[in-house]
Amino acid sequence: MIEWMGPFLVSFWVAAHVVPASQAATVINGGWAYVALRILYPLLALNGGLTQKGARPFIFFSTMPAYAILTYNAINVFKYAFLS
């Protein structure tokens, strides 16, 4: 969980500064969704999401949407900071 804190915080705060006000709610809601998914991760991990053999598909209900949010923020930062 900690290893993705840096990319999340950087993409979230930079997106908050470069995304226009009309899209700000999307960034904020994405941030809350990311935090909720990070809270869900240890719960899923303790309930069979991680085993000694590695990750089971169950844990991906938390990780894949979180990665999608990070990607979405990165795309918005690039789009509004460099293409607008």
Foldseek 3Di string as FASTA:
>chain_A
DVVCPVLLVVLLVLLCVQPDPVCNVVSVVLNVLLVVLVVVQVVQCVVPQADPVGGDVSNVVSVVSNVVSSVVSVVSSCCRVPVD
